[in-house]
N, C-alpha and C. Protein backbone atom coordinates (compact mmCIF):
# COMPACT_ATOMS: atom_id res chain seq x y z
N UNK A 1 5.10 -15.22 -1.07
CA UNK A 1 3.72 -14.78 -1.23
C UNK A 1 3.71 -13.54 -2.13
N UNK A 2 2.64 -13.46 -2.92
CA UNK A 2 2.48 -12.35 -3.86
C UNK A 2 1.14 -11.67 -3.58
N UNK A 3 1.16 -10.36 -3.53
CA UNK A 3 -0.09 -9.60 -3.36
C UNK A 3 -0.78 -9.55 -4.72
N UNK A 4 -2.03 -10.01 -4.77
CA UNK A 4 -2.75 -10.15 -6.03
C UNK A 4 -4.20 -9.76 -5.82
N UNK A 5 -4.78 -9.13 -6.83
CA UNK A 5 -6.19 -8.72 -6.75
C UNK A 5 -6.90 -9.16 -8.02
N UNK A 6 -7.99 -9.88 -7.85
CA UNK A 6 -8.82 -10.28 -8.98
C UNK A 6 -9.86 -9.18 -9.16
N UNK A 7 -9.90 -8.57 -10.34
CA UNK A 7 -10.84 -7.45 -10.53
C UNK A 7 -12.29 -7.90 -10.52
N UNK A 8 -13.15 -6.98 -10.12
CA UNK A 8 -14.59 -7.21 -10.20
C UNK A 8 -15.01 -7.07 -11.66
N UNK A 9 -15.99 -7.84 -12.06
CA UNK A 9 -16.53 -7.73 -13.41
C UNK A 9 -17.91 -7.12 -13.37
N UNK A 10 -18.48 -6.90 -14.54
CA UNK A 10 -19.81 -6.30 -14.61
C UNK A 10 -20.91 -7.35 -14.54
N UNK A 11 -20.63 -8.58 -14.98
CA UNK A 11 -21.63 -9.64 -14.94
C UNK A 11 -21.65 -10.28 -13.55
N UNK A 12 -22.80 -10.87 -13.19
CA UNK A 12 -22.92 -11.52 -11.88
C UNK A 12 -21.86 -12.59 -11.67
N UNK A 13 -21.59 -13.39 -12.72
CA UNK A 13 -20.59 -14.45 -12.57
C UNK A 13 -19.19 -13.89 -12.36
N UNK A 14 -18.96 -12.65 -12.77
CA UNK A 14 -17.66 -12.01 -12.58
C UNK A 14 -17.56 -11.26 -11.25
N UNK A 15 -18.52 -11.47 -10.39
CA UNK A 15 -18.49 -10.86 -9.06
C UNK A 15 -18.37 -11.92 -7.96
N UNK A 16 -18.53 -13.19 -8.35
CA UNK A 16 -18.45 -14.28 -7.38
C UNK A 16 -17.00 -14.51 -6.95
N UNK A 17 -16.83 -15.08 -5.77
CA UNK A 17 -15.50 -15.45 -5.31
C UNK A 17 -14.92 -16.49 -6.26
N UNK A 18 -13.59 -16.57 -6.31
CA UNK A 18 -12.91 -17.48 -7.24
C UNK A 18 -12.27 -18.62 -6.44
N UNK A 19 -12.58 -19.85 -6.83
CA UNK A 19 -12.02 -21.04 -6.20
C UNK A 19 -10.80 -21.50 -6.99
N UNK A 20 -9.70 -21.75 -6.29
CA UNK A 20 -8.49 -22.29 -6.90
C UNK A 20 -7.96 -23.39 -5.99
N UNK A 21 -7.53 -24.50 -6.60
CA UNK A 21 -6.89 -25.58 -5.84
C UNK A 21 -5.55 -25.90 -6.49
N UNK A 22 -4.52 -25.98 -5.66
CA UNK A 22 -3.18 -26.32 -6.14
C UNK A 22 -2.57 -27.33 -5.17
N UNK A 23 -2.17 -28.48 -5.71
CA UNK A 23 -1.52 -29.52 -4.90
C UNK A 23 -2.31 -29.88 -3.64
N UNK A 24 -3.61 -30.03 -3.79
CA UNK A 24 -4.46 -30.46 -2.68
C UNK A 24 -4.85 -29.36 -1.71
N UNK A 25 -4.38 -28.16 -1.92
CA UNK A 25 -4.75 -27.04 -1.04
C UNK A 25 -5.69 -26.12 -1.82
N UNK A 26 -6.81 -25.76 -1.19
CA UNK A 26 -7.80 -24.94 -1.90
C UNK A 26 -7.87 -23.53 -1.31
N UNK A 27 -8.27 -22.60 -2.18
CA UNK A 27 -8.37 -21.19 -1.83
C UNK A 27 -9.68 -20.66 -2.40
N UNK A 28 -10.37 -19.83 -1.64
CA UNK A 28 -11.54 -19.13 -2.12
C UNK A 28 -11.19 -17.65 -2.03
N UNK A 29 -11.02 -17.02 -3.18
CA UNK A 29 -10.46 -15.67 -3.25
C UNK A 29 -11.56 -14.67 -3.58
N UNK A 30 -11.67 -13.67 -2.76
CA UNK A 30 -12.68 -12.62 -2.94
C UNK A 30 -12.21 -11.64 -4.01
N UNK A 31 -13.10 -11.34 -4.95
CA UNK A 31 -12.77 -10.38 -6.01
C UNK A 31 -12.71 -8.96 -5.45
N UNK A 32 -11.81 -8.17 -6.02
CA UNK A 32 -11.71 -6.76 -5.65
C UNK A 32 -10.95 -6.49 -4.37
N UNK A 33 -10.43 -7.55 -3.74
CA UNK A 33 -9.70 -7.39 -2.47
C UNK A 33 -8.26 -7.86 -2.66
N UNK A 34 -7.27 -6.99 -2.48
CA UNK A 34 -5.88 -7.43 -2.57
C UNK A 34 -5.60 -8.53 -1.54
N UNK A 35 -5.00 -9.63 -1.98
CA UNK A 35 -4.80 -10.80 -1.13
C UNK A 35 -3.39 -11.34 -1.31
N UNK A 36 -2.77 -11.78 -0.23
CA UNK A 36 -1.46 -12.43 -0.31
C UNK A 36 -1.68 -13.89 -0.69
N UNK A 37 -1.10 -14.30 -1.82
CA UNK A 37 -1.29 -15.66 -2.32
C UNK A 37 0.06 -16.28 -2.67
N UNK A 38 0.14 -17.61 -2.57
CA UNK A 38 1.37 -18.27 -3.02
C UNK A 38 1.57 -18.06 -4.52
N UNK A 39 2.81 -18.08 -4.94
CA UNK A 39 3.13 -17.87 -6.35
C UNK A 39 2.41 -18.87 -7.26
N UNK A 40 2.26 -20.11 -6.79
CA UNK A 40 1.60 -21.14 -7.61
C UNK A 40 0.14 -20.80 -7.87
N UNK A 41 -0.53 -20.19 -6.90
CA UNK A 41 -1.94 -19.81 -7.07
C UNK A 41 -2.05 -18.65 -8.06
N UNK A 42 -1.15 -17.69 -7.95
CA UNK A 42 -1.14 -16.56 -8.89
C UNK A 42 -0.89 -17.08 -10.30
N UNK A 43 0.00 -18.04 -10.43
CA UNK A 43 0.28 -18.62 -11.75
C UNK A 43 -0.97 -19.27 -12.33
N UNK A 44 -1.71 -20.01 -11.52
CA UNK A 44 -2.96 -20.63 -11.98
C UNK A 44 -3.95 -19.56 -12.44
N UNK A 45 -4.10 -18.50 -11.66
CA UNK A 45 -5.03 -17.43 -12.02
C UNK A 45 -4.61 -16.73 -13.31
N UNK A 46 -3.32 -16.47 -13.47
CA UNK A 46 -2.83 -15.82 -14.69
C UNK A 46 -3.00 -16.73 -15.91
N UNK A 47 -2.74 -18.03 -15.74
CA UNK A 47 -2.93 -18.97 -16.84
C UNK A 47 -4.40 -19.07 -17.23
N UNK A 48 -5.29 -19.06 -16.25
CA UNK A 48 -6.73 -19.12 -16.53
C UNK A 48 -7.17 -17.90 -17.33
N UNK A 49 -6.65 -16.73 -16.98
CA UNK A 49 -7.00 -15.51 -17.70
C UNK A 49 -6.47 -15.55 -19.13
N UNK A 50 -5.25 -16.03 -19.30
CA UNK A 50 -4.67 -16.14 -20.64
C UNK A 50 -5.50 -17.09 -21.50
N UNK A 51 -5.95 -18.20 -20.93
CA UNK A 51 -6.77 -19.15 -21.68
C UNK A 51 -8.13 -18.56 -22.03
N UNK A 52 -8.69 -17.79 -21.11
CA UNK A 52 -9.98 -17.14 -21.37
C UNK A 52 -9.85 -16.16 -22.53
N UNK A 53 -8.79 -15.37 -22.53
CA UNK A 53 -8.57 -14.41 -23.62
C UNK A 53 -8.35 -15.13 -24.95
N UNK A 54 -7.61 -16.24 -24.94
CA UNK A 54 -7.37 -17.01 -26.15
C UNK A 54 -8.68 -17.59 -26.68
N UNK A 55 -9.52 -18.10 -25.80
CA UNK A 55 -10.81 -18.66 -26.21
C UNK A 55 -11.68 -17.59 -26.86
N UNK A 56 -11.66 -16.39 -26.33
CA UNK A 56 -12.43 -15.28 -26.91
C UNK A 56 -11.91 -14.96 -28.31
N UNK A 57 -10.59 -14.94 -28.48
CA UNK A 57 -10.00 -14.68 -29.80
C UNK A 57 -10.43 -15.73 -30.82
N UNK A 58 -10.37 -17.00 -30.43
CA UNK A 58 -10.76 -18.10 -31.32
C UNK A 58 -12.24 -17.99 -31.67
N UNK A 59 -13.05 -17.71 -30.67
CA UNK A 59 -14.50 -17.56 -30.88
C UNK A 59 -14.78 -16.43 -31.88
N UNK A 60 -14.12 -15.30 -31.70
CA UNK A 60 -14.34 -14.16 -32.59
C UNK A 60 -13.84 -14.44 -34.01
N UNK A 61 -12.70 -15.10 -34.14
CA UNK A 61 -12.19 -15.39 -35.48
C UNK A 61 -13.10 -16.39 -36.19
N UNK A 62 -13.66 -17.34 -35.48
CA UNK A 62 -14.60 -18.30 -36.08
C UNK A 62 -15.88 -17.59 -36.52
N UNK A 63 -16.31 -16.63 -35.75
CA UNK A 63 -17.53 -15.89 -36.06
C UNK A 63 -17.37 -15.10 -37.36
N UNK A 64 -16.20 -14.53 -37.59
CA UNK A 64 -15.98 -13.69 -38.77
C UNK A 64 -15.70 -14.51 -40.03
N UNK A 65 -15.38 -15.79 -39.88
CA UNK A 65 -15.12 -16.65 -41.04
C UNK A 65 -16.42 -17.13 -41.69
N UNK A 66 -17.50 -17.11 -40.95
CA UNK A 66 -18.77 -17.62 -41.46
C UNK A 66 -19.42 -16.67 -42.41
């Protein structure tokens, strides 16, 4: 188990609890609260954040090409 905390955001959607499902087991994780999670769940959360950051980069680069 890994202690992990999802930060609170400023937008309403960034304050909602986060749902994660791995291998048929689901988790509803409260933002801003340190929580003990399986390594696989932390990996999913970290991958989701990396993809979100990549999408923002692509969006911004496309915006500046126009």
